[in-house]
């Protein structure tokens, strides 16, 4: 590949990297100034990568819960079989800034055991 084309490719890749990372994580859309803690029954779980997800019913709404990557959850002691439907869990994290019932979880407590996810 000629030097000019390679340079253009490298510059384009460097410029795109922050947008790609932001598009996936988007942590700025969560309000870290307003931590929330709720206890609710699990209504659904997706155990996969790039991170797990769950749903809980709380306050008359179904909340989408953004979990950590599965390898991190398992390494810290949160196994897939712990998050079962209808089981009450306590979730601590940050809500979306726009009011959407979604939260990014920092820690989860199940059966008296707290697991730090971040």
PDB file of N, CA and C in Angstrom:
ATOM      1  N   UNK A   1       0.864  -1.173   0.000  1.00  0.00           N
ATOM      2  CA  UNK A   1       0.000   0.000   0.000  1.00  0.00           C
ATOM      3  C   UNK A   1       0.907   1.231   0.000  1.00  0.00           C
ATOM      4  N   UNK A   2       0.683   2.170  -0.912  1.00  0.00           N
ATOM      5  CA  UNK A   2       1.503   3.381  -0.945  1.00  0.00           C
ATOM      6  C   UNK A   2       1.398   4.151   0.374  1.00  0.00           C
ATOM      7  N   UNK A   3       2.462   4.863   0.695  1.00  0.00           N
ATOM      8  CA  UNK A   3       2.557   5.588   1.963  1.00  0.00           C
ATOM      9  C   UNK A   3       1.400   6.569   2.155  1.00  0.00           C
ATOM     10  N   UNK A   4       1.010   7.298   1.105  1.00  0.00           N
ATOM     11  CA  UNK A   4      -0.075   8.266   1.232  1.00  0.00           C
ATOM     12  C   UNK A   4      -1.384   7.576   1.605  1.00  0.00           C
ATOM     13  N   UNK A   5      -1.730   6.490   0.911  1.00  0.00           N
ATOM     14  CA  UNK A   5      -2.983   5.771   1.193  1.00  0.00           C
ATOM     15  C   UNK A   5      -2.956   5.169   2.589  1.00  0.00           C
ATOM     16  N   UNK A   6      -1.803   4.655   2.989  1.00  0.00           N
ATOM     17  CA  UNK A   6      -1.677   4.079   4.335  1.00  0.00           C
ATOM     18  C   UNK A   6      -1.867   5.176   5.393  1.00  0.00           C
ATOM     19  N   UNK A   7      -1.294   6.340   5.152  1.00  0.00           N
ATOM     20  CA  UNK A   7      -1.444   7.461   6.094  1.00  0.00           C
ATOM     21  C   UNK A   7      -2.900   7.900   6.208  1.00  0.00           C
ATOM     22  N   UNK A   8      -3.593   7.974   5.070  1.00  0.00           N
ATOM     23  CA  UNK A   8      -5.007   8.349   5.081  1.00  0.00           C
ATOM     24  C   UNK A   8      -5.810   7.314   5.870  1.00  0.00           C
ATOM     25  N   UNK A   9      -5.525   6.040   5.658  1.00  0.00           N
ATOM     26  CA  UNK A   9      -6.218   4.966   6.371  1.00  0.00           C
ATOM     27  C   UNK A   9      -5.988   5.087   7.876  1.00  0.00           C
ATOM     28  N   UNK A  10      -4.749   5.307   8.298  1.00  0.00           N
ATOM     29  CA  UNK A  10      -4.426   5.423   9.731  1.00  0.00           C
ATOM     30  C   UNK A  10      -5.143   6.622  10.346  1.00  0.00           C
ATOM     31  N   UNK A  11      -5.110   7.750   9.667  1.00  0.00           N
ATOM     32  CA  UNK A  11      -5.789   8.943  10.187  1.00  0.00           C
ATOM     33  C   UNK A  11      -7.295   8.698  10.297  1.00  0.00           C
ATOM     34  N   UNK A  12      -7.890   8.085   9.287  1.00  0.00           N
ATOM     35  CA  UNK A  12      -9.332   7.798   9.325  1.00  0.00           C
ATOM     36  C   UNK A  12      -9.663   6.853  10.474  1.00  0.00           C
ATOM     37  N   UNK A  13      -8.841   5.833  10.685  1.00  0.00           N
ATOM     38  CA  UNK A  13      -9.079   4.892  11.778  1.00  0.00           C
ATOM     39  C   UNK A  13      -8.980   5.593  13.135  1.00  0.00           C
ATOM     40  N   UNK A  14      -8.003   6.452  13.300  1.00  0.00           N
ATOM     41  CA  UNK A  14      -7.853   7.181  14.572  1.00  0.00           C
ATOM     42  C   UNK A  14      -9.020   8.126  14.825  1.00  0.00           C
ATOM     43  N   UNK A  15      -9.520   8.757  13.777  1.00  0.00           N
ATOM     44  CA  UNK A  15     -10.659   9.658  13.933  1.00  0.00           C
ATOM     45  C   UNK A  15     -11.941   8.892  14.242  1.00  0.00           C
ATOM     46  N   UNK A  16     -12.084   7.686  13.720  1.00  0.00           N
ATOM     47  CA  UNK A  16     -13.297   6.900  13.928  1.00  0.00           C
ATOM     48  C   UNK A  16     -13.329   6.187  15.271  1.00  0.00           C
ATOM     49  N   UNK A  17     -12.180   5.891  15.841  1.00  0.00           N
ATOM     50  CA  UNK A  17     -12.122   5.094  17.078  1.00  0.00           C
ATOM     51  C   UNK A  17     -12.964   5.667  18.216  1.00  0.00           C
ATOM     52  N   UNK A  18     -12.882   6.958  18.541  1.00  0.00           N
ATOM     53  CA  UNK A  18     -13.711   7.461  19.640  1.00  0.00           C
ATOM     54  C   UNK A  18     -15.217   7.336  19.373  1.00  0.00           C
ATOM     55  N   UNK A  19     -15.633   7.545  18.135  1.00  0.00           N
ATOM     56  CA  UNK A  19     -17.047   7.432  17.818  1.00  0.00           C
ATOM     57  C   UNK A  19     -17.519   5.988  17.946  1.00  0.00           C
ATOM     58  N   UNK A  20     -16.688   5.043  17.534  1.00  0.00           N
ATOM     59  CA  UNK A  20     -17.050   3.632  17.649  1.00  0.00           C
ATOM     60  C   UNK A  20     -17.171   3.251  19.115  1.00  0.00           C
ATOM     61  N   UNK A  21     -16.204   3.642  19.935  1.00  0.00           N
ATOM     62  CA  UNK A  21     -16.254   3.320  21.362  1.00  0.00           C
ATOM     63  C   UNK A  21     -17.459   3.974  22.016  1.00  0.00           C
ATOM     64  N   UNK A  22     -17.723   5.223  21.693  1.00  0.00           N
ATOM     65  CA  UNK A  22     -18.873   5.924  22.270  1.00  0.00           C
ATOM     66  C   UNK A  22     -20.178   5.287  21.846  1.00  0.00           C
ATOM     67  N   UNK A  23     -20.259   4.850  20.615  1.00  0.00           N
ATOM     68  CA  UNK A  23     -21.498   4.242  20.113  1.00  0.00           C
ATOM     69  C   UNK A  23     -21.818   2.965  20.876  1.00  0.00           C
ATOM     70  N   UNK A  24     -20.793   2.212  21.269  1.00  0.00           N
ATOM     71  CA  UNK A  24     -21.061   0.994  22.020  1.00  0.00           C
ATOM     72  C   UNK A  24     -21.356   1.301  23.484  1.00  0.00           C
ATOM     73  N   UNK A  25     -20.432   1.963  24.153  1.00  0.00           N
ATOM     74  CA  UNK A  25     -20.584   2.157  25.596  1.00  0.00           C
ATOM     75  C   UNK A  25     -21.543   3.285  25.948  1.00  0.00           C
ATOM     76  N   UNK A  26     -21.333   4.448  25.397  1.00  0.00           N
ATOM     77  CA  UNK A  26     -22.233   5.550  25.633  1.00  0.00           C
ATOM     78  C   UNK A  26     -22.497   5.841  27.095  1.00  0.00           C
ATOM     79  N   UNK A  27     -21.485   5.665  27.962  1.00  0.00           N
ATOM     80  CA  UNK A  27     -21.718   5.865  29.395  1.00  0.00           C
ATOM     81  C   UNK A  27     -22.117   7.302  29.708  1.00  0.00           C
ATOM     82  N   UNK A  28     -21.849   8.236  28.824  1.00  0.00           N
ATOM     83  CA  UNK A  28     -22.223   9.621  29.094  1.00  0.00           C
ATOM     84  C   UNK A  28     -23.733   9.813  29.094  1.00  0.00           C
ATOM     85  N   UNK A  29     -24.485   8.841  28.598  1.00  0.00           N
ATOM     86  CA  UNK A  29     -25.941   8.960  28.598  1.00  0.00           C
ATOM     87  C   UNK A  29     -26.554   8.559  29.947  1.00  0.00           C
ATOM     88  N   UNK A  30     -25.709   8.161  30.892  1.00  0.00           N
ATOM     89  CA  UNK A  30     -26.181   7.810  32.235  1.00  0.00           C
ATOM     90  C   UNK A  30     -25.781   8.901  33.212  1.00  0.00           C
ATOM     91  N   UNK A  31     -26.641   9.187  34.178  1.00  0.00           N
ATOM     92  CA  UNK A  31     -26.417  10.277  35.116  1.00  0.00           C
ATOM     93  C   UNK A  31     -25.706   9.776  36.372  1.00  0.00           C
ATOM     94  N   UNK A  32     -24.372   9.900  36.380  1.00  0.00           N
ATOM     95  CA  UNK A  32     -23.556   9.440  37.504  1.00  0.00           C
ATOM     96  C   UNK A  32     -23.767  10.294  38.757  1.00  0.00           C
ATOM     97  N   UNK A  33     -24.452  11.426  38.617  1.00  0.00           N
ATOM     98  CA  UNK A  33     -24.741  12.290  39.770  1.00  0.00           C
ATOM     99  C   UNK A  33     -25.998  11.850  40.518  1.00  0.00           C
ATOM    100  N   UNK A  34     -26.745  10.898  39.952  1.00  0.00           N
ATOM    101  CA  UNK A  34     -27.998  10.452  40.562  1.00  0.00           C
ATOM    102  C   UNK A  34     -28.035   8.928  40.687  1.00  0.00           C
ATOM    103  N   UNK A  35     -27.162   8.373  41.532  1.00  0.00           N
ATOM    104  CA  UNK A  35     -27.182   6.915  41.681  1.00  0.00           C
ATOM    105  C   UNK A  35     -28.545   6.452  42.213  1.00  0.00           C
ATOM    106  N   UNK A  36     -28.970   5.285  41.749  1.00  0.00           N
ATOM    107  CA  UNK A  36     -30.235   4.726  42.222  1.00  0.00           C
ATOM    108  C   UNK A  36     -30.002   3.304  42.731  1.00  0.00           C
ATOM    109  N   UNK A  37     -30.880   2.912  43.622  1.00  0.00           N
ATOM    110  CA  UNK A  37     -30.842   1.570  44.178  1.00  0.00           C
ATOM    111  C   UNK A  37     -32.274   1.079  44.218  1.00  0.00           C
ATOM    112  N   UNK A  38     -32.500  -0.087  43.619  1.00  0.00           N
ATOM    113  CA  UNK A  38     -33.852  -0.623  43.624  1.00  0.00           C
ATOM    114  C   UNK A  38     -33.814  -2.131  43.817  1.00  0.00           C
ATOM    115  N   UNK A  39     -34.868  -2.643  44.401  1.00  0.00           N
ATOM    116  CA  UNK A  39     -35.022  -4.086  44.568  1.00  0.00           C
ATOM    117  C   UNK A  39     -36.266  -4.487  43.805  1.00  0.00           C
ATOM    118  N   UNK A  40     -36.096  -5.454  42.917  1.00  0.00           N
ATOM    119  CA  UNK A  40     -37.198  -5.855  42.039  1.00  0.00           C
ATOM    120  C   UNK A  40     -36.973  -7.275  41.539  1.00  0.00           C
ATOM    121  N   UNK A  41     -38.052  -7.915  41.093  1.00  0.00           N
ATOM    122  CA  UNK A  41     -37.897  -9.250  40.510  1.00  0.00           C
ATOM    123  C   UNK A  41     -37.354  -9.173  39.084  1.00  0.00           C
ATOM    124  N   UNK A  42     -36.513 -10.125  38.749  1.00  0.00           N
ATOM    125  CA  UNK A  42     -35.971 -10.226  37.397  1.00  0.00           C
ATOM    126  C   UNK A  42     -37.072 -10.739  36.475  1.00  0.00           C
ATOM    127  N   UNK A  43     -37.253 -10.071  35.333  1.00  0.00           N
ATOM    128  CA  UNK A  43     -38.258 -10.556  34.380  1.00  0.00           C
ATOM    129  C   UNK A  43     -37.626 -11.113  33.111  1.00  0.00           C
ATOM    130  N   UNK A  44     -36.310 -10.947  32.964  1.00  0.00           N
ATOM    131  CA  UNK A  44     -35.614 -11.506  31.811  1.00  0.00           C
ATOM    132  C   UNK A  44     -34.127 -11.250  31.907  1.00  0.00           C
ATOM    133  N   UNK A  45     -33.333 -12.152  31.310  1.00  0.00           N
ATOM    134  CA  UNK A  45     -31.871 -12.021  31.333  1.00  0.00           C
ATOM    135  C   UNK A  45     -31.316 -12.443  29.975  1.00  0.00           C
ATOM    136  N   UNK A  46     -30.335 -11.677  29.500  1.00  0.00           N
ATOM    137  CA  UNK A  46     -29.560 -12.050  28.326  1.00  0.00           C
ATOM    138  C   UNK A  46     -28.116 -12.159  28.776  1.00  0.00           C
ATOM    139  N   UNK A  47     -27.570 -13.354  28.693  1.00  0.00           N
ATOM    140  CA  UNK A  47     -26.196 -13.608  29.141  1.00  0.00           C
ATOM    141  C   UNK A  47     -25.328 -13.719  27.901  1.00  0.00           C
ATOM    142  N   UNK A  48     -24.684 -12.618  27.533  1.00  0.00           N
ATOM    143  CA  UNK A  48     -23.880 -12.622  26.316  1.00  0.00           C
ATOM    144  C   UNK A  48     -22.929 -11.452  26.282  1.00  0.00           C
ATOM    145  N   UNK A  49     -22.189 -11.369  25.201  1.00  0.00           N
ATOM    146  CA  UNK A  49     -21.210 -10.306  25.038  1.00  0.00           C
ATOM    147  C   UNK A  49     -21.667  -9.363  23.946  1.00  0.00           C
ATOM    148  N   UNK A  50     -21.337  -8.097  23.993  1.00  0.00           N
ATOM    149  CA  UNK A  50     -20.236  -7.550  24.770  1.00  0.00           C
ATOM    150  C   UNK A  50     -20.548  -7.377  26.255  1.00  0.00           C
ATOM    151  N   UNK A  51     -21.808  -7.439  26.651  1.00  0.00           N
ATOM    152  CA  UNK A  51     -22.166  -7.393  28.067  1.00  0.00           C
ATOM    153  C   UNK A  51     -23.535  -8.037  28.231  1.00  0.00           C
ATOM    154  N   UNK A  52     -23.818  -8.425  29.462  1.00  0.00           N
ATOM    155  CA  UNK A  52     -25.128  -9.004  29.740  1.00  0.00           C
ATOM    156  C   UNK A  52     -26.182  -7.923  29.870  1.00  0.00           C
ATOM    157  N   UNK A  53     -27.419  -8.357  29.907  1.00  0.00           N
ATOM    158  CA  UNK A  53     -28.538  -7.434  30.067  1.00  0.00           C
ATOM    159  C   UNK A  53     -29.633  -8.148  30.845  1.00  0.00           C
ATOM    160  N   UNK A  54     -30.446  -7.362  31.519  1.00  0.00           N
ATOM    161  CA  UNK A  54     -31.572  -7.929  32.260  1.00  0.00           C
ATOM    162  C   UNK A  54     -32.733  -6.957  32.184  1.00  0.00           C
ATOM    163  N   UNK A  55     -33.871  -7.434  32.605  1.00  0.00           N
ATOM    164  CA  UNK A  55     -35.067  -6.594  32.721  1.00  0.00           C
ATOM    165  C   UNK A  55     -35.644  -6.833  34.102  1.00  0.00           C
ATOM    166  N   UNK A  56     -36.096  -5.749  34.720  1.00  0.00           N
ATOM    167  CA  UNK A  56     -36.788  -5.833  35.999  1.00  0.00           C
ATOM    168  C   UNK A  56     -38.016  -4.940  35.948  1.00  0.00           C
ATOM    169  N   UNK A  57     -39.019  -5.307  36.713  1.00  0.00           N
ATOM    170  CA  UNK A  57     -40.221  -4.480  36.828  1.00  0.00           C
ATOM    171  C   UNK A  57     -40.127  -3.701  38.125  1.00  0.00           C
ATOM    172  N   UNK A  58     -40.200  -2.378  38.004  1.00  0.00           N
ATOM    173  CA  UNK A  58     -40.074  -1.525  39.182  1.00  0.00           C
ATOM    174  C   UNK A  58     -40.821  -0.222  38.937  1.00  0.00           C
ATOM    175  N   UNK A  59     -41.604   0.186  39.913  1.00  0.00           N
ATOM    176  CA  UNK A  59     -42.310   1.460  39.812  1.00  0.00           C
ATOM    177  C   UNK A  59     -43.274   1.532  38.647  1.00  0.00           C
ATOM    178  N   UNK A  60     -43.865   0.421  38.282  1.00  0.00           N
ATOM    179  CA  UNK A  60     -44.811   0.402  37.175  1.00  0.00           C
ATOM    180  C   UNK A  60     -44.170   0.433  35.803  1.00  0.00           C
ATOM    181  N   UNK A  61     -42.845   0.283  35.744  1.00  0.00           N
ATOM    182  CA  UNK A  61     -42.130   0.309  34.473  1.00  0.00           C
ATOM    183  C   UNK A  61     -41.253  -0.934  34.361  1.00  0.00           C
ATOM    184  N   UNK A  62     -40.947  -1.304  33.129  1.00  0.00           N
ATOM    185  CA  UNK A  62     -39.963  -2.351  32.888  1.00  0.00           C
ATOM    186  C   UNK A  62     -38.637  -1.661  32.605  1.00  0.00           C
ATOM    187  N   UNK A  63     -37.653  -1.915  33.464  1.00  0.00           N
ATOM    188  CA  UNK A  63     -36.339  -1.304  33.347  1.00  0.00           C
ATOM    189  C   UNK A  63     -35.403  -2.227  32.580  1.00  0.00           C
ATOM    190  N   UNK A  64     -34.669  -1.666  31.627  1.00  0.00           N
ATOM    191  CA  UNK A  64     -33.576  -2.373  30.974  1.00  0.00           C
ATOM    192  C   UNK A  64     -32.341  -2.157  31.835  1.00  0.00           C
ATOM    193  N   UNK A  65     -31.622  -3.239  32.105  1.00  0.00           N
ATOM    194  CA  UNK A  65     -30.465  -3.197  32.992  1.00  0.00           C
ATOM    195  C   UNK A  65     -29.226  -3.604  32.201  1.00  0.00           C
ATOM    196  N   UNK A  66     -28.243  -2.695  32.113  1.00  0.00           N
ATOM    197  CA  UNK A  66     -27.000  -2.977  31.405  1.00  0.00           C
ATOM    198  C   UNK A  66     -26.018  -3.551  32.416  1.00  0.00           C
ATOM    199  N   UNK A  67     -25.667  -4.813  32.207  1.00  0.00           N
ATOM    200  CA  UNK A  67     -24.743  -5.506  33.095  1.00  0.00           C
ATOM    201  C   UNK A  67     -23.312  -5.392  32.569  1.00  0.00           C
ATOM    202  N   UNK A  68     -22.385  -6.091  33.200  1.00  0.00           N
ATOM    203  CA  UNK A  68     -20.989  -6.120  32.775  1.00  0.00           C
ATOM    204  C   UNK A  68     -20.785  -7.253  31.761  1.00  0.00           C
ATOM    205  N   UNK A  69     -19.590  -7.335  31.171  1.00  0.00           N
ATOM    206  CA  UNK A  69     -19.284  -8.487  30.321  1.00  0.00           C
ATOM    207  C   UNK A  69     -19.402  -9.786  31.136  1.00  0.00           C
ATOM    208  N   UNK A  70     -19.813 -10.849  30.474  1.00  0.00           N
ATOM    209  CA  UNK A  70     -20.054 -12.110  31.189  1.00  0.00           C
ATOM    210  C   UNK A  70     -18.807 -12.637  31.883  1.00  0.00           C
ATOM    211  N   UNK A  71     -17.656 -12.524  31.258  1.00  0.00           N
ATOM    212  CA  UNK A  71     -16.419 -13.020  31.883  1.00  0.00           C
ATOM    213  C   UNK A  71     -16.138 -12.284  33.193  1.00  0.00           C
ATOM    214  N   UNK A  72     -16.379 -10.974  33.215  1.00  0.00           N
ATOM    215  CA  UNK A  72     -16.154 -10.202  34.448  1.00  0.00           C
ATOM    216  C   UNK A  72     -17.154 -10.610  35.516  1.00  0.00           C
ATOM    217  N   UNK A  73     -18.422 -10.762  35.140  1.00  0.00           N
ATOM    218  CA  UNK A  73     -19.425 -11.152  36.137  1.00  0.00           C
ATOM    219  C   UNK A  73     -19.087 -12.505  36.747  1.00  0.00           C
ATOM    220  N   UNK A  74     -18.718 -13.465  35.906  1.00  0.00           N
ATOM    221  CA  UNK A  74     -18.390 -14.797  36.406  1.00  0.00           C
ATOM    222  C   UNK A  74     -17.138 -14.773  37.265  1.00  0.00           C
ATOM    223  N   UNK A  75     -16.121 -14.001  36.871  1.00  0.00           N
ATOM    224  CA  UNK A  75     -14.883 -13.908  37.644  1.00  0.00           C
ATOM    225  C   UNK A  75     -15.122 -13.300  39.023  1.00  0.00           C
ATOM    226  N   UNK A  76     -16.131 -12.443  39.114  1.00  0.00           N
ATOM    227  CA  UNK A  76     -16.423 -11.795  40.401  1.00  0.00           C
ATOM    228  C   UNK A  76     -17.495 -12.523  41.198  1.00  0.00           C
ATOM    229  N   UNK A  77     -17.975 -13.638  40.674  1.00  0.00           N
ATOM    230  CA  UNK A  77     -18.891 -14.481  41.441  1.00  0.00           C
ATOM    231  C   UNK A  77     -20.362 -14.395  41.082  1.00  0.00           C
ATOM    232  N   UNK A  78     -20.698 -13.679  40.020  1.00  0.00           N
ATOM    233  CA  UNK A  78     -22.095 -13.623  39.587  1.00  0.00           C
ATOM    234  C   UNK A  78     -22.282 -14.595  38.430  1.00  0.00           C
ATOM    235  N   UNK A  79     -22.920 -15.700  38.719  1.00  0.00           N
ATOM    236  CA  UNK A  79     -23.138 -16.728  37.705  1.00  0.00           C
ATOM    237  C   UNK A  79     -24.499 -16.532  37.047  1.00  0.00           C
ATOM    238  N   UNK A  80     -24.606 -17.054  35.851  1.00  0.00           N
ATOM    239  CA  UNK A  80     -25.830 -16.914  35.080  1.00  0.00           C
ATOM    240  C   UNK A  80     -27.030 -17.493  35.825  1.00  0.00           C
ATOM    241  N   UNK A  81     -26.848 -18.606  36.499  1.00  0.00           N
ATOM    242  CA  UNK A  81     -27.972 -19.243  37.182  1.00  0.00           C
ATOM    243  C   UNK A  81     -28.448 -18.479  38.411  1.00  0.00           C
ATOM    244  N   UNK A  82     -27.710 -17.445  38.817  1.00  0.00           N
ATOM    245  CA  UNK A  82     -28.148 -16.618  39.951  1.00  0.00           C
ATOM    246  C   UNK A  82     -29.235 -15.630  39.536  1.00  0.00           C
ATOM    247  N   UNK A  83     -29.194 -15.189  38.294  1.00  0.00           N
ATOM    248  CA  UNK A  83     -30.180 -14.223  37.786  1.00  0.00           C
ATOM    249  C   UNK A  83     -31.315 -14.975  37.111  1.00  0.00           C
ATOM    250  N   UNK A  84     -32.203 -15.482  37.901  1.00  0.00           N
ATOM    251  CA  UNK A  84     -33.323 -16.245  37.344  1.00  0.00           C
ATOM    252  C   UNK A  84     -34.610 -15.436  37.401  1.00  0.00           C
ATOM    253  N   UNK A  85     -35.491 -15.739  36.472  1.00  0.00           N
ATOM    254  CA  UNK A  85     -36.765 -15.028  36.377  1.00  0.00           C
ATOM    255  C   UNK A  85     -37.538 -15.127  37.677  1.00  0.00           C
ATOM    256  N   UNK A  86     -38.131 -14.026  38.078  1.00  0.00           N
ATOM    257  CA  UNK A  86     -38.980 -13.873  39.259  1.00  0.00           C
ATOM    258  C   UNK A  86     -38.190 -13.777  40.560  1.00  0.00           C
ATOM    259  N   UNK A  87     -36.872 -13.874  40.504  1.00  0.00           N
ATOM    260  CA  UNK A  87     -36.061 -13.747  41.713  1.00  0.00           C
ATOM    261  C   UNK A  87     -35.786 -12.270  41.983  1.00  0.00           C
ATOM    262  N   UNK A  88     -35.967 -11.857  43.226  1.00  0.00           N
ATOM    263  CA  UNK A  88     -35.730 -10.459  43.585  1.00  0.00           C
ATOM    264  C   UNK A  88     -34.229 -10.194  43.684  1.00  0.00           C
ATOM    265  N   UNK A  89     -33.799  -9.082  43.112  1.00  0.00           N
ATOM    266  CA  UNK A  89     -32.410  -8.649  43.167  1.00  0.00           C
ATOM    267  C   UNK A  89     -32.387  -7.173  43.559  1.00  0.00           C
ATOM    268  N   UNK A  90     -31.296  -6.764  44.169  1.00  0.00           N
ATOM    269  CA  UNK A  90     -31.084  -5.346  44.458  1.00  0.00           C
ATOM    270  C   UNK A  90     -30.020  -4.850  43.496  1.00  0.00           C
ATOM    271  N   UNK A  91     -30.342  -3.787  42.789  1.00  0.00           N
ATOM    272  CA  UNK A  91     -29.465  -3.226  41.775  1.00  0.00           C
ATOM    273  C   UNK A  91     -29.068  -1.813  42.171  1.00  0.00           C
ATOM    274  N   UNK A  92     -27.788  -1.515  42.037  1.00  0.00           N
ATOM    275  CA  UNK A  92     -27.288  -0.166  42.294  1.00  0.00           C
ATOM    276  C   UNK A  92     -26.547   0.304  41.060  1.00  0.00           C
ATOM    277  N   UNK A  93     -26.901   1.471  40.593  1.00  0.00           N
ATOM    278  CA  UNK A  93     -26.252   1.987  39.397  1.00  0.00           C
ATOM    279  C   UNK A  93     -26.743   3.365  39.051  1.00  0.00           C
ATOM    280  N   UNK A  94     -26.704   3.667  37.764  1.00  0.00           N
ATOM    281  CA  UNK A  94     -27.039   5.001  37.282  1.00  0.00           C
ATOM    282  C   UNK A  94     -28.135   4.942  36.219  1.00  0.00           C
ATOM    283  N   UNK A  95     -29.129   5.819  36.335  1.00  0.00           N
ATOM    284  CA  UNK A  95     -30.214   5.853  35.339  1.00  0.00           C
ATOM    285  C   UNK A  95     -29.786   6.638  34.103  1.00  0.00           C
ATOM    286  N   UNK A  96     -30.493   6.384  33.014  1.00  0.00           N
ATOM    287  CA  UNK A  96     -30.266   7.194  31.811  1.00  0.00           C
ATOM    288  C   UNK A  96     -30.685   8.630  32.097  1.00  0.00           C
ATOM    289  N   UNK A  97     -29.952   9.548  31.539  1.00  0.00           N
ATOM    290  CA  UNK A  97     -30.229  10.971  31.741  1.00  0.00           C
ATOM    291  C   UNK A  97     -31.515  11.426  31.090  1.00  0.00           C
ATOM    292  N   UNK A  98     -31.950  10.739  30.033  1.00  0.00           N
ATOM    293  CA  UNK A  98     -33.121  11.190  29.295  1.00  0.00           C
ATOM    294  C   UNK A  98     -34.443  10.660  29.858  1.00  0.00           C
ATOM    295  N   UNK A  99     -34.396   9.949  30.993  1.00  0.00           N
ATOM    296  CA  UNK A  99     -35.617   9.465  31.618  1.00  0.00           C
ATOM    297  C   UNK A  99     -36.067   8.094  31.152  1.00  0.00           C
ATOM    298  N   UNK A 100     -35.400   7.529  30.156  1.00  0.00           N
ATOM    299  CA  UNK A 100     -35.712   6.171  29.710  1.00  0.00           C
ATOM    300  C   UNK A 100     -35.490   5.218  30.881  1.00  0.00           C
ATOM    301  N   UNK A 101     -36.389   4.272  31.130  1.00  0.00           N
ATOM    302  CA  UNK A 101     -36.202   3.352  32.254  1.00  0.00           C
ATOM    303  C   UNK A 101     -35.100   2.315  31.951  1.00  0.00           C
ATOM    304  N   UNK A 102     -33.884   2.784  32.058  1.00  0.00           N
ATOM    305  CA  UNK A 102     -32.705   1.952  31.810  1.00  0.00           C
ATOM    306  C   UNK A 102     -31.633   2.375  32.791  1.00  0.00           C
ATOM    307  N   UNK A 103     -30.874   1.401  33.264  1.00  0.00           N
ATOM    308  CA  UNK A 103     -29.801   1.734  34.187  1.00  0.00           C
ATOM    309  C   UNK A 103     -28.555   0.916  33.905  1.00  0.00           C
ATOM    310  N   UNK A 104     -27.423   1.545  34.161  1.00  0.00           N
ATOM    311  CA  UNK A 104     -26.118   0.891  34.070  1.00  0.00           C
ATOM    312  C   UNK A 104     -25.761   0.465  35.484  1.00  0.00           C
ATOM    313  N   UNK A 105     -25.534  -0.813  35.674  1.00  0.00           N
ATOM    314  CA  UNK A 105     -25.350  -1.362  37.006  1.00  0.00           C
ATOM    315  C   UNK A 105     -23.897  -1.321  37.452  1.00  0.00           C
ATOM    316  N   UNK A 106     -23.695  -0.906  38.693  1.00  0.00           N
ATOM    317  CA  UNK A 106     -22.387  -0.936  39.333  1.00  0.00           C
ATOM    318  C   UNK A 106     -22.256  -2.165  40.232  1.00  0.00           C
ATOM    319  N   UNK A 107     -23.352  -2.529  40.904  1.00  0.00           N
ATOM    320  CA  UNK A 107     -23.327  -3.699  41.789  1.00  0.00           C
ATOM    321  C   UNK A 107     -24.702  -4.325  41.858  1.00  0.00           C
ATOM    322  N   UNK A 108     -24.711  -5.621  42.129  1.00  0.00           N
ATOM    323  CA  UNK A 108     -25.953  -6.375  42.240  1.00  0.00           C
ATOM    324  C   UNK A 108     -25.869  -7.222  43.507  1.00  0.00           C
ATOM    325  N   UNK A 109     -26.988  -7.292  44.219  1.00  0.00           N
ATOM    326  CA  UNK A 109     -27.057  -8.123  45.421  1.00  0.00           C
ATOM    327  C   UNK A 109     -28.147  -9.169  45.212  1.00  0.00           C
ATOM    328  N   UNK A 110     -27.745 -10.432  45.377  1.00  0.00           N
ATOM    329  CA  UNK A 110     -28.662 -11.567  45.232  1.00  0.00           C
ATOM    330  C   UNK A 110     -28.425 -12.494  46.409  1.00  0.00           C
ATOM    331  N   UNK A 111     -29.502 -12.870  47.094  1.00  0.00           N
ATOM    332  CA  UNK A 111     -29.410 -13.767  48.236  1.00  0.00           C
ATOM    333  C   UNK A 111     -28.401 -13.295  49.276  1.00  0.00           C
ATOM    334  N   UNK A 112     -28.339 -11.974  49.494  1.00  0.00           N
ATOM    335  CA  UNK A 112     -27.444 -11.412  50.494  1.00  0.00           C
ATOM    336  C   UNK A 112     -26.003 -11.272  50.062  1.00  0.00           C
ATOM    337  N   UNK A 113     -25.649 -11.656  48.841  1.00  0.00           N
ATOM    338  CA  UNK A 113     -24.283 -11.552  48.329  1.00  0.00           C
ATOM    339  C   UNK A 113     -24.216 -10.404  47.333  1.00  0.00           C
ATOM    340  N   UNK A 114     -23.301  -9.451  47.580  1.00  0.00           N
ATOM    341  CA  UNK A 114     -23.126  -8.298  46.693  1.00  0.00           C
ATOM    342  C   UNK A 114     -21.922  -8.534  45.783  1.00  0.00           C
ATOM    343  N   UNK A 115     -22.131  -8.267  44.502  1.00  0.00           N
ATOM    344  CA  UNK A 115     -21.073  -8.427  43.506  1.00  0.00           C
ATOM    345  C   UNK A 115     -20.844  -7.076  42.832  1.00  0.00           C
ATOM    346  N   UNK A 116     -19.594  -6.598  42.853  1.00  0.00           N
ATOM    347  CA  UNK A 116     -19.214  -5.370  42.177  1.00  0.00           C
ATOM    348  C   UNK A 116     -18.983  -5.690  40.707  1.00  0.00           C
ATOM    349  N   UNK A 117     -19.666  -4.970  39.812  1.00  0.00           N
ATOM    350  CA  UNK A 117     -19.560  -5.265  38.390  1.00  0.00           C
ATOM    351  C   UNK A 117     -18.619  -4.336  37.632  1.00  0.00           C
ATOM    352  N   UNK A 118     -18.307  -3.178  38.150  1.00  0.00           N
ATOM    353  CA  UNK A 118     -17.441  -2.245  37.427  1.00  0.00           C
ATOM    354  C   UNK A 118     -16.080  -2.178  38.037  1.00  0.00           C
TER     355      UNK A 118
END
